[in-house]
Amino acid sequence: MSSDRGELFGRVVDVANRPVSGAAVAVSGTEPHPDIAAVTSADGRFHFGRLKPGAYRVAAHAGGRSQSADVVVTAGARLDVEIRFER
């Protein structure tokens, strides 16, 4: 990983803490951060690498449910986030 970028690792789970496979995850930030997207793996995990430092919103959508979290990515660091769907 480049020291001027950060990485975001995450997991999407349901209210019972079970992984949510196939959830659409989008990361958006203030300019000049572009919006980027991914789909969770079978274990509910996702990864966004080489992100510019700054504030981002991570939003997950699956089965009519949505949830988001605000995060701050730091240069040279790994950030872990869990998004939990309520009911």
PDB file of N, CA and C in Angstrom:
ATOM      1  N   MET A   1       0.849  -1.178   0.000  1.00  0.00           N
ATOM      2  CA  MET A   1       0.000   0.000   0.000  1.00  0.00           C
ATOM      3  C   MET A   1       0.889   1.233   0.000  1.00  0.00           C
ATOM      4  N   SER A   2       0.553   2.188  -0.826  1.00  0.00           N
ATOM      5  CA  SER A   2       1.268   3.447  -0.895  1.00  0.00           C
ATOM      6  C   SER A   2       1.019   4.239   0.390  1.00  0.00           C
ATOM      7  N   SER A   3       2.048   4.915   0.890  1.00  0.00           N
ATOM      8  CA  SER A   3       1.905   5.634   2.152  1.00  0.00           C
ATOM      9  C   SER A   3       1.042   6.888   2.038  1.00  0.00           C
ATOM     10  N   ASP A   4       0.725   7.323   0.812  1.00  0.00           N
ATOM     11  CA  ASP A   4      -0.145   8.494   0.662  1.00  0.00           C
ATOM     12  C   ASP A   4      -1.601   8.113   0.452  1.00  0.00           C
ATOM     13  N   ARG A   5      -1.939   6.829   0.562  1.00  0.00           N
ATOM     14  CA  ARG A   5      -3.306   6.324   0.391  1.00  0.00           C
ATOM     15  C   ARG A   5      -3.692   5.482   1.593  1.00  0.00           C
ATOM     16  N   GLY A   6      -4.988   5.231   1.725  1.00  0.00           N
ATOM     17  CA  GLY A   6      -5.487   4.377   2.797  1.00  0.00           C
ATOM     18  C   GLY A   6      -6.312   3.246   2.224  1.00  0.00           C
ATOM     19  N   GLU A   7      -6.659   2.290   3.068  1.00  0.00           N
ATOM     20  CA  GLU A   7      -7.480   1.162   2.651  1.00  0.00           C
ATOM     21  C   GLU A   7      -8.676   1.045   3.575  1.00  0.00           C
ATOM     22  N   LEU A   8      -9.795   0.642   2.994  1.00  0.00           N
ATOM     23  CA  LEU A   8     -11.022   0.447   3.749  1.00  0.00           C
ATOM     24  C   LEU A   8     -11.459  -1.004   3.593  1.00  0.00           C
ATOM     25  N   PHE A   9     -11.520  -1.710   4.701  1.00  0.00           N
ATOM     26  CA  PHE A   9     -12.001  -3.087   4.734  1.00  0.00           C
ATOM     27  C   PHE A   9     -13.309  -3.088   5.508  1.00  0.00           C
ATOM     28  N   GLY A  10     -14.264  -3.893   5.076  1.00  0.00           N
ATOM     29  CA  GLY A  10     -15.522  -3.898   5.796  1.00  0.00           C
ATOM     30  C   GLY A  10     -16.272  -5.194   5.673  1.00  0.00           C
ATOM     31  N   ARG A  11     -17.337  -5.258   6.454  1.00  0.00           N
ATOM     32  CA  ARG A  11     -18.207  -6.423   6.475  1.00  0.00           C
ATOM     33  C   ARG A  11     -19.625  -5.942   6.669  1.00  0.00           C
ATOM     34  N   VAL A  12     -20.551  -6.536   5.927  1.00  0.00           N
ATOM     35  CA  VAL A  12     -21.968  -6.233   6.068  1.00  0.00           C
ATOM     36  C   VAL A  12     -22.635  -7.443   6.718  1.00  0.00           C
ATOM     37  N   VAL A  13     -23.368  -7.184   7.807  1.00  0.00           N
ATOM     38  CA  VAL A  13     -24.042  -8.254   8.539  1.00  0.00           C
ATOM     39  C   VAL A  13     -25.496  -7.871   8.794  1.00  0.00           C
ATOM     40  N   ASP A  14     -26.319  -8.900   9.096  1.00  0.00           N
ATOM     41  CA  ASP A  14     -27.707  -8.619   9.443  1.00  0.00           C
ATOM     42  C   ASP A  14     -27.828  -8.461  10.956  1.00  0.00           C
ATOM     43  N   VAL A  15     -29.035  -8.252  11.424  1.00  0.00           N
ATOM     44  CA  VAL A  15     -29.266  -8.006  12.841  1.00  0.00           C
ATOM     45  C   VAL A  15     -28.830  -9.178  13.721  1.00  0.00           C
ATOM     46  N   ALA A  16     -28.783 -10.396  13.155  1.00  0.00           N
ATOM     47  CA  ALA A  16     -28.342 -11.588  13.891  1.00  0.00           C
ATOM     48  C   ALA A  16     -26.841 -11.834  13.724  1.00  0.00           C
ATOM     49  N   ASN A  17     -26.125 -10.855  13.160  1.00  0.00           N
ATOM     50  CA  ASN A  17     -24.677 -10.922  12.942  1.00  0.00           C
ATOM     51  C   ASN A  17     -24.272 -11.949  11.882  1.00  0.00           C
ATOM     52  N   ARG A  18     -25.194 -12.324  10.992  1.00  0.00           N
ATOM     53  CA  ARG A  18     -24.877 -13.221   9.871  1.00  0.00           C
ATOM     54  C   ARG A  18     -24.390 -12.373   8.702  1.00  0.00           C
ATOM     55  N   PRO A  19     -23.403 -12.858   7.941  1.00  0.00           N
ATOM     56  CA  PRO A  19     -22.912 -12.090   6.797  1.00  0.00           C
ATOM     57  C   PRO A  19     -23.975 -11.915   5.727  1.00  0.00           C
ATOM     58  N   VAL A  20     -23.956 -10.766   5.072  1.00  0.00           N
ATOM     59  CA  VAL A  20     -24.881 -10.479   3.975  1.00  0.00           C
ATOM     60  C   VAL A  20     -24.088 -10.565   2.676  1.00  0.00           C
ATOM     61  N   SER A  21     -24.314 -11.626   1.931  1.00  0.00           N
ATOM     62  CA  SER A  21     -23.636 -11.867   0.663  1.00  0.00           C
ATOM     63  C   SER A  21     -24.340 -11.107  -0.459  1.00  0.00           C
ATOM     64  N   GLY A  22     -23.570 -10.554  -1.382  1.00  0.00           N
ATOM     65  CA  GLY A  22     -24.135  -9.897  -2.554  1.00  0.00           C
ATOM     66  C   GLY A  22     -24.698  -8.512  -2.308  1.00  0.00           C
ATOM     67  N   ALA A  23     -24.396  -7.906  -1.171  1.00  0.00           N
ATOM     68  CA  ALA A  23     -24.859  -6.539  -0.909  1.00  0.00           C
ATOM     69  C   ALA A  23     -24.070  -5.560  -1.775  1.00  0.00           C
ATOM     70  N   ALA A  24     -24.758  -4.567  -2.294  1.00  0.00           N
ATOM     71  CA  ALA A  24     -24.096  -3.502  -3.054  1.00  0.00           C
ATOM     72  C   ALA A  24     -23.556  -2.485  -2.054  1.00  0.00           C
ATOM     73  N   VAL A  25     -22.261  -2.196  -2.164  1.00  0.00           N
ATOM     74  CA  VAL A  25     -21.617  -1.246  -1.260  1.00  0.00           C
ATOM     75  C   VAL A  25     -21.044  -0.113  -2.098  1.00  0.00           C
ATOM     76  N   ALA A  26     -21.381   1.112  -1.736  1.00  0.00           N
ATOM     77  CA  ALA A  26     -20.871   2.287  -2.443  1.00  0.00           C
ATOM     78  C   ALA A  26     -20.142   3.184  -1.457  1.00  0.00           C
ATOM     79  N   VAL A  27     -19.039   3.754  -1.919  1.00  0.00           N
ATOM     80  CA  VAL A  27     -18.266   4.681  -1.111  1.00  0.00           C
ATOM     81  C   VAL A  27     -18.267   6.009  -1.844  1.00  0.00           C
ATOM     82  N   SER A  28     -18.679   7.042  -1.152  1.00  0.00           N
ATOM     83  CA  SER A  28     -18.664   8.374  -1.751  1.00  0.00           C
ATOM     84  C   SER A  28     -17.981   9.331  -0.797  1.00  0.00           C
ATOM     85  N   GLY A  29     -17.327  10.318  -1.376  1.00  0.00           N
ATOM     86  CA  GLY A  29     -16.622  11.307  -0.574  1.00  0.00           C
ATOM     87  C   GLY A  29     -16.736  12.677  -1.180  1.00  0.00           C
ATOM     88  N   THR A  30     -16.223  13.630  -0.457  1.00  0.00           N
ATOM     89  CA  THR A  30     -16.216  14.985  -0.979  1.00  0.00           C
ATOM     90  C   THR A  30     -15.179  15.083  -2.084  1.00  0.00           C
ATOM     91  N   GLU A  31     -15.323  16.042  -2.957  1.00  0.00           N
ATOM     92  CA  GLU A  31     -14.370  16.208  -4.065  1.00  0.00           C
ATOM     93  C   GLU A  31     -12.968  16.285  -3.512  1.00  0.00           C
ATOM     94  N   PRO A  32     -11.977  15.739  -4.136  1.00  0.00           N
ATOM     95  CA  PRO A  32     -11.989  15.110  -5.450  1.00  0.00           C
ATOM     96  C   PRO A  32     -12.159  13.605  -5.408  1.00  0.00           C
ATOM     97  N   HIS A  33     -12.815  13.079  -4.406  1.00  0.00           N
ATOM     98  CA  HIS A  33     -13.016  11.641  -4.284  1.00  0.00           C
ATOM     99  C   HIS A  33     -14.130  11.173  -5.215  1.00  0.00           C
ATOM    100  N   PRO A  34     -13.857  10.248  -6.103  1.00  0.00           N
ATOM    101  CA  PRO A  34     -14.921   9.710  -6.957  1.00  0.00           C
ATOM    102  C   PRO A  34     -15.770   8.700  -6.188  1.00  0.00           C
ATOM    103  N   ASP A  35     -16.983   8.478  -6.628  1.00  0.00           N
ATOM    104  CA  ASP A  35     -17.815   7.424  -6.053  1.00  0.00           C
ATOM    105  C   ASP A  35     -17.349   6.093  -6.611  1.00  0.00           C
ATOM    106  N   ILE A  36     -17.233   5.088  -5.735  1.00  0.00           N
ATOM    107  CA  ILE A  36     -16.803   3.763  -6.159  1.00  0.00           C
ATOM    108  C   ILE A  36     -17.748   2.730  -5.551  1.00  0.00           C
ATOM    109  N   ALA A  37     -17.811   1.542  -6.156  1.00  0.00           N
ATOM    110  CA  ALA A  37     -18.757   0.530  -5.698  1.00  0.00           C
ATOM    111  C   ALA A  37     -18.135  -0.864  -5.710  1.00  0.00           C
ATOM    112  N   ALA A  38     -18.743  -1.754  -4.921  1.00  0.00           N
ATOM    113  CA  ALA A  38     -18.324  -3.153  -4.848  1.00  0.00           C
ATOM    114  C   ALA A  38     -19.535  -3.981  -4.430  1.00  0.00           C
ATOM    115  N   VAL A  39     -19.362  -5.295  -4.454  1.00  0.00           N
ATOM    116  CA  VAL A  39     -20.382  -6.237  -3.991  1.00  0.00           C
ATOM    117  C   VAL A  39     -19.731  -7.112  -2.933  1.00  0.00           C
ATOM    118  N   THR A  40     -20.461  -7.375  -1.848  1.00  0.00           N
ATOM    119  CA  THR A  40     -19.882  -8.185  -0.779  1.00  0.00           C
ATOM    120  C   THR A  40     -19.697  -9.641  -1.209  1.00  0.00           C
ATOM    121  N   SER A  41     -18.687 -10.265  -0.650  1.00  0.00           N
ATOM    122  CA  SER A  41     -18.390 -11.676  -0.912  1.00  0.00           C
ATOM    123  C   SER A  41     -19.344 -12.557  -0.101  1.00  0.00           C
ATOM    124  N   ALA A  42     -19.176 -13.863  -0.207  1.00  0.00           N
ATOM    125  CA  ALA A  42     -20.029 -14.819   0.500  1.00  0.00           C
ATOM    126  C   ALA A  42     -19.986 -14.613   2.015  1.00  0.00           C
ATOM    127  N   ASP A  43     -18.863 -14.102   2.532  1.00  0.00           N
ATOM    128  CA  ASP A  43     -18.762 -13.864   3.973  1.00  0.00           C
ATOM    129  C   ASP A  43     -19.079 -12.414   4.345  1.00  0.00           C
ATOM    130  N   GLY A  44     -19.724 -11.681   3.418  1.00  0.00           N
ATOM    131  CA  GLY A  44     -20.164 -10.315   3.698  1.00  0.00           C
ATOM    132  C   GLY A  44     -19.083  -9.256   3.648  1.00  0.00           C
ATOM    133  N   ARG A  45     -17.913  -9.621   3.159  1.00  0.00           N
ATOM    134  CA  ARG A  45     -16.783  -8.688   3.187  1.00  0.00           C
ATOM    135  C   ARG A  45     -16.632  -7.894   1.885  1.00  0.00           C
ATOM    136  N   PHE A  46     -16.043  -6.707   2.044  1.00  0.00           N
ATOM    137  CA  PHE A  46     -15.708  -5.856   0.898  1.00  0.00           C
ATOM    138  C   PHE A  46     -14.399  -5.133   1.196  1.00  0.00           C
ATOM    139  N   HIS A  47     -13.789  -4.588   0.155  1.00  0.00           N
ATOM    140  CA  HIS A  47     -12.501  -3.897   0.293  1.00  0.00           C
ATOM    141  C   HIS A  47     -12.388  -2.799  -0.753  1.00  0.00           C
ATOM    142  N   PHE A  48     -11.930  -1.655  -0.322  1.00  0.00           N
ATOM    143  CA  PHE A  48     -11.601  -0.560  -1.231  1.00  0.00           C
ATOM    144  C   PHE A  48     -10.175  -0.148  -0.915  1.00  0.00           C
ATOM    145  N   GLY A  49      -9.290  -0.269  -1.900  1.00  0.00           N
ATOM    146  CA  GLY A  49      -7.890   0.068  -1.703  1.00  0.00           C
ATOM    147  C   GLY A  49      -7.529   1.391  -2.360  1.00  0.00           C
ATOM    148  N   ARG A  50      -6.403   1.901  -1.968  1.00  0.00           N
ATOM    149  CA  ARG A  50      -5.819   3.117  -2.565  1.00  0.00           C
ATOM    150  C   ARG A  50      -6.780   4.300  -2.545  1.00  0.00           C
ATOM    151  N   LEU A  51      -7.408   4.526  -1.405  1.00  0.00           N
ATOM    152  CA  LEU A  51      -8.304   5.677  -1.257  1.00  0.00           C
ATOM    153  C   LEU A  51      -7.500   6.894  -0.812  1.00  0.00           C
ATOM    154  N   LYS A  52      -7.823   8.032  -1.367  1.00  0.00           N
ATOM    155  CA  LYS A  52      -7.204   9.276  -0.915  1.00  0.00           C
ATOM    156  C   LYS A  52      -7.685   9.557   0.504  1.00  0.00           C
ATOM    157  N   PRO A  53      -6.821  10.117   1.344  1.00  0.00           N
ATOM    158  CA  PRO A  53      -7.246  10.458   2.704  1.00  0.00           C
ATOM    159  C   PRO A  53      -8.435  11.422   2.672  1.00  0.00           C
ATOM    160  N   GLY A  54      -9.343  11.247   3.605  1.00  0.00           N
ATOM    161  CA  GLY A  54     -10.491  12.134   3.703  1.00  0.00           C
ATOM    162  C   GLY A  54     -11.720  11.446   4.252  1.00  0.00           C
ATOM    163  N   ALA A  55     -12.818  12.186   4.283  1.00  0.00           N
ATOM    164  CA  ALA A  55     -14.084  11.694   4.805  1.00  0.00           C
ATOM    165  C   ALA A  55     -14.881  11.008   3.701  1.00  0.00           C
ATOM    166  N   TYR A  56     -15.484   9.874   4.052  1.00  0.00           N
ATOM    167  CA  TYR A  56     -16.279   9.100   3.116  1.00  0.00           C
ATOM    168  C   TYR A  56     -17.566   8.640   3.788  1.00  0.00           C
ATOM    169  N   ARG A  57     -18.584   8.363   2.992  1.00  0.00           N
ATOM    170  CA  ARG A  57     -19.788   7.676   3.449  1.00  0.00           C
ATOM    171  C   ARG A  57     -19.803   6.324   2.761  1.00  0.00           C
ATOM    172  N   VAL A  58     -19.962   5.263   3.561  1.00  0.00           N
ATOM    173  CA  VAL A  58     -20.051   3.901   3.049  1.00  0.00           C
ATOM    174  C   VAL A  58     -21.506   3.475   3.189  1.00  0.00           C
ATOM    175  N   ALA A  59     -22.146   3.152   2.069  1.00  0.00           N
ATOM    176  CA  ALA A  59     -23.560   2.767   2.087  1.00  0.00           C
ATOM    177  C   ALA A  59     -23.718   1.364   1.523  1.00  0.00           C
ATOM    178  N   ALA A  60     -24.486   0.532   2.226  1.00  0.00           N
ATOM    179  CA  ALA A  60     -24.747  -0.837   1.788  1.00  0.00           C
ATOM    180  C   ALA A  60     -26.241  -1.009   1.539  1.00  0.00           C
ATOM    181  N   HIS A  61     -26.566  -1.753   0.471  1.00  0.00           N
ATOM    182  CA  HIS A  61     -27.953  -1.996   0.090  1.00  0.00           C
ATOM    183  C   HIS A  61     -28.111  -3.476  -0.281  1.00  0.00           C
ATOM    184  N   ALA A  62     -29.158  -4.116   0.257  1.00  0.00           N
ATOM    185  CA  ALA A  62     -29.464  -5.514  -0.089  1.00  0.00           C
ATOM    186  C   ALA A  62     -30.869  -5.845   0.374  1.00  0.00           C
ATOM    187  N   GLY A  63     -31.615  -6.527  -0.484  1.00  0.00           N
ATOM    188  CA  GLY A  63     -32.933  -7.011  -0.110  1.00  0.00           C
ATOM    189  C   GLY A  63     -33.871  -5.946   0.423  1.00  0.00           C
ATOM    190  N   GLY A  64     -33.809  -4.750  -0.126  1.00  0.00           N
ATOM    191  CA  GLY A  64     -34.667  -3.664   0.321  1.00  0.00           C
ATOM    192  C   GLY A  64     -34.194  -2.970   1.585  1.00  0.00           C
ATOM    193  N   ARG A  65     -33.066  -3.380   2.103  1.00  0.00           N
ATOM    194  CA  ARG A  65     -32.505  -2.759   3.305  1.00  0.00           C
ATOM    195  C   ARG A  65     -31.336  -1.868   2.935  1.00  0.00           C
ATOM    196  N   SER A  66     -31.154  -0.803   3.697  1.00  0.00           N
ATOM    197  CA  SER A  66     -30.026   0.113   3.479  1.00  0.00           C
ATOM    198  C   SER A  66     -29.470   0.545   4.821  1.00  0.00           C
ATOM    199  N   GLN A  67     -28.169   0.751   4.839  1.00  0.00           N
ATOM    200  CA  GLN A  67     -27.508   1.259   6.036  1.00  0.00           C
ATOM    201  C   GLN A  67     -26.232   1.939   5.595  1.00  0.00           C
ATOM    202  N   SER A  68     -25.791   2.947   6.333  1.00  0.00           N
ATOM    203  CA  SER A  68     -24.562   3.636   5.966  1.00  0.00           C
ATOM    204  C   SER A  68     -23.746   3.982   7.201  1.00  0.00           C
ATOM    205  N   ALA A  69     -22.495   4.314   6.958  1.00  0.00           N
ATOM    206  CA  ALA A  69     -21.586   4.732   8.026  1.00  0.00           C
ATOM    207  C   ALA A  69     -20.660   5.796   7.466  1.00  0.00           C
ATOM    208  N   ASP A  70     -20.338   6.782   8.291  1.00  0.00           N
ATOM    209  CA  ASP A  70     -19.372   7.806   7.914  1.00  0.00           C
ATOM    210  C   ASP A  70     -18.013   7.415   8.487  1.00  0.00           C
ATOM    211  N   VAL A  71     -16.983   7.490   7.654  1.00  0.00           N
ATOM    212  CA  VAL A  71     -15.641   7.084   8.059  1.00  0.00           C
ATOM    213  C   VAL A  71     -14.633   8.116   7.592  1.00  0.00           C
ATOM    214  N   VAL A  72     -13.448   8.072   8.192  1.00  0.00           N
ATOM    215  CA  VAL A  72     -12.342   8.926   7.771  1.00  0.00           C
ATOM    216  C   VAL A  72     -11.154   8.034   7.449  1.00  0.00           C
ATOM    217  N   VAL A  73     -10.683   8.120   6.215  1.00  0.00           N
ATOM    218  CA  VAL A  73      -9.534   7.342   5.756  1.00  0.00           C
ATOM    219  C   VAL A  73      -8.276   8.174   5.957  1.00  0.00           C
ATOM    220  N   THR A  74      -7.244   7.539   6.508  1.00  0.00           N
ATOM    221  CA  THR A  74      -5.976   8.202   6.789  1.00  0.00           C
ATOM    222  C   THR A  74      -4.882   7.623   5.903  1.00  0.00           C
ATOM    223  N   ALA A  75      -3.964   8.456   5.479  1.00  0.00           N
ATOM    224  CA  ALA A  75      -2.854   8.012   4.634  1.00  0.00           C
ATOM    225  C   ALA A  75      -2.046   6.928   5.339  1.00  0.00           C
ATOM    226  N   GLY A  76      -1.740   5.851   4.593  1.00  0.00           N
ATOM    227  CA  GLY A  76      -0.909   4.771   5.098  1.00  0.00           C
ATOM    228  C   GLY A  76      -1.569   3.880   6.127  1.00  0.00           C
ATOM    229  N   ALA A  77      -2.886   3.998   6.283  1.00  0.00           N
ATOM    230  CA  ALA A  77      -3.575   3.230   7.327  1.00  0.00           C
ATOM    231  C   ALA A  77      -4.666   2.338   6.753  1.00  0.00           C
ATOM    232  N   ARG A  78      -5.000   1.327   7.532  1.00  0.00           N
ATOM    233  CA  ARG A  78      -6.111   0.420   7.216  1.00  0.00           C
ATOM    234  C   ARG A  78      -7.252   0.775   8.156  1.00  0.00           C
ATOM    235  N   LEU A  79      -8.447   0.915   7.592  1.00  0.00           N
ATOM    236  CA  LEU A  79      -9.636   1.207   8.377  1.00  0.00           C
ATOM    237  C   LEU A  79     -10.602   0.044   8.222  1.00  0.00           C
ATOM    238  N   ASP A  80     -11.131  -0.456   9.336  1.00  0.00           N
ATOM    239  CA  ASP A  80     -12.111  -1.539   9.320  1.00  0.00           C
ATOM    240  C   ASP A  80     -13.462  -0.989   9.764  1.00  0.00           C
ATOM    241  N   VAL A  81     -14.517  -1.364   9.038  1.00  0.00           N
ATOM    242  CA  VAL A  81     -15.860  -0.906   9.368  1.00  0.00           C
ATOM    243  C   VAL A  81     -16.840  -2.070   9.237  1.00  0.00           C
ATOM    244  N   GLU A  82     -17.820  -2.113  10.129  1.00  0.00           N
ATOM    245  CA  GLU A  82     -18.890  -3.099  10.021  1.00  0.00           C
ATOM    246  C   GLU A  82     -20.192  -2.354   9.835  1.00  0.00           C
ATOM    247  N   ILE A  83     -20.954  -2.771   8.837  1.00  0.00           N
ATOM    248  CA  ILE A  83     -22.268  -2.189   8.586  1.00  0.00           C
ATOM    249  C   ILE A  83     -23.298  -3.243   8.947  1.00  0.00           C
ATOM    250  N   ARG A  84     -24.184  -2.892   9.865  1.00  0.00           N
ATOM    251  CA  ARG A  84     -25.185  -3.843  10.360  1.00  0.00           C
ATOM    252  C   ARG A  84     -26.570  -3.368   9.924  1.00  0.00           C
ATOM    253  N   PHE A  85     -27.264  -4.256   9.200  1.00  0.00           N
ATOM    254  CA  PHE A  85     -28.644  -3.958   8.818  1.00  0.00           C
ATOM    255  C   PHE A  85     -29.526  -4.139  10.028  1.00  0.00           C
ATOM    256  N   GLU A  86     -30.384  -3.185  10.256  1.00  0.00           N
ATOM    257  CA  GLU A  86     -31.377  -3.287  11.332  1.00  0.00           C
ATOM    258  C   GLU A  86     -32.593  -3.998  10.767  1.00  0.00           C
ATOM    259  N   ARG A  87     -33.162  -4.886  11.463  1.00  0.00           N
ATOM    260  CA  ARG A  87     -34.368  -5.634  11.097  1.00  0.00           C
ATOM    261  C   ARG A  87     -34.555  -5.839   9.654  1.00  0.00           C
TER     262      ARG A  87
END
